[in-house]
Amino acid sequence: MELIPENTAEVLHQNVKEPEIRNKDFLRATLKRIRPAILSERRWGFMEGERWIQFINWMIDHRILKDVEVVFLDYEQVNTSTLYTNQFFK
C-alpha cells in the first residue's frame, strides 16, 4: 500500500485537534518528507529490524532512552527484537 501524502494529510487534518499542525500544506510536506522513514521496502507496516536498531542507537547516542529508574540506557540493555512483530504478515 502506498502512502499518498494528499489523502493521508486529509485524514490527519480531519482528526488532529492541535491547531498548530492542522495546516494541510504542512501535513502534506511533512508526510512527503518522512515517507522514506516510515515505509518498508516490502509493504506498509512491515518492520525492518535494521531500522529499529538504527533508531534505538540514535536515541541512545542522544541520551533519550531511560529505564524506569530514569537512568540512561546503553546499547546492550535494549533488545530491539522485542520492540516489534511481523507475525501478522505470515
Protein backbone atom coordinates (compact mmCIF):
# COMPACT_ATOMS: atom_id res chain seq x y z
CA MET A 1 0.00 0.00 0.00
CA GLU A 2 1.39 3.37 -0.93
CA LEU A 3 1.30 6.28 1.45
CA ILE A 4 -0.23 9.12 -0.53
CA PRO A 5 0.56 12.42 1.18
CA GLU A 6 -2.57 14.15 -0.15
CA ASN A 7 -5.00 11.51 1.14
CA THR A 8 -3.16 10.96 4.39
CA ALA A 9 -2.91 14.70 5.00
CA GLU A 10 -6.68 14.97 4.60
CA VAL A 11 -7.31 12.19 7.13
CA LEU A 12 -4.92 13.79 9.60
CA HIS A 13 -6.43 17.22 9.03
CA GLN A 14 -9.87 15.88 9.88
CA ASN A 15 -8.73 14.08 13.01
CA VAL A 16 -5.90 16.09 14.56
CA LYS A 17 -7.05 18.56 17.18
CA GLU A 18 -3.86 20.58 17.67
CA PRO A 19 -4.30 23.81 15.69
CA GLU A 20 -0.58 24.28 15.07
CA ILE A 21 -0.37 21.09 12.97
CA ARG A 22 -3.73 21.18 11.20
CA ASN A 23 -2.41 23.12 8.21
CA LYS A 24 -2.88 20.87 5.14
CA ASP A 25 0.19 22.19 3.33
CA PHE A 26 2.29 21.49 6.41
CA LEU A 27 0.83 17.98 6.73
CA ARG A 28 1.43 17.17 3.04
CA ALA A 29 5.01 18.44 3.15
CA THR A 30 5.73 16.58 6.38
CA LEU A 31 4.30 13.30 5.08
CA LYS A 32 6.28 13.60 1.88
CA ARG A 33 9.46 14.22 3.87
CA ILE A 34 9.04 11.37 6.35
CA ARG A 35 7.72 8.85 3.83
CA PRO A 36 11.09 7.06 3.37
CA ALA A 37 11.45 6.68 7.13
CA ILE A 38 8.05 5.10 7.75
CA LEU A 39 7.63 2.85 4.74
CA SER A 40 9.29 -0.52 4.34
CA GLU A 41 10.60 -1.78 1.03
CA ARG A 42 8.34 -4.80 1.48
CA ARG A 43 4.96 -3.32 2.37
CA TRP A 44 3.12 -0.89 4.59
CA GLY A 45 3.51 -1.76 8.26
CA PHE A 46 6.33 -4.30 7.89
CA MET A 47 9.07 -3.64 10.45
CA GLU A 48 12.71 -3.86 9.39
CA GLY A 49 14.99 -4.93 12.24
CA GLU A 50 17.89 -2.86 10.96
CA ARG A 51 15.76 0.30 11.01
CA TRP A 52 14.83 -0.36 14.64
CA ILE A 53 18.48 -0.88 15.55
CA GLN A 54 19.43 2.38 13.86
CA PHE A 55 16.63 4.27 15.60
CA ILE A 56 17.41 2.81 19.04
CA ASN A 57 21.11 3.54 18.57
CA TRP A 58 20.30 7.12 17.63
CA MET A 59 18.18 7.52 20.78
CA ILE A 60 20.96 6.04 22.92
CA ASP A 61 23.59 8.26 21.27
CA HIS A 62 21.45 11.31 22.03
CA ARG A 63 20.72 10.13 25.57
CA ILE A 64 16.98 9.91 25.07
CA LEU A 65 16.27 6.36 26.26
CA LYS A 66 15.97 5.83 30.00
CA ASP A 67 14.89 2.92 32.16
CA VAL A 68 12.11 3.01 34.76
CA GLU A 69 14.55 4.47 37.28
CA VAL A 70 15.35 7.30 34.83
CA VAL A 71 18.86 6.02 34.14
CA PHE A 72 20.15 6.34 30.58
CA LEU A 73 20.29 3.04 28.69
CA ASP A 74 23.30 1.52 26.94
CA TYR A 75 23.26 -0.46 23.68
CA GLU A 76 23.41 -3.87 25.33
CA GLN A 77 20.38 -3.08 27.50
CA VAL A 78 17.96 -2.87 24.57
CA ASN A 79 16.81 -5.96 22.71
CA THR A 80 15.25 -4.48 19.57
CA SER A 81 13.68 -7.78 18.54
CA THR A 82 11.21 -7.42 21.43
CA LEU A 83 10.03 -3.99 20.28
CA TYR A 84 8.06 -5.04 17.20
CA THR A 85 6.50 -8.00 15.43
CA ASN A 86 5.90 -9.01 11.83
CA GLN A 87 3.86 -12.08 12.78
CA PHE A 88 0.72 -10.64 11.19
CA PHE A 89 2.37 -10.73 7.75
CA LYS A 90 2.87 -14.50 7.86
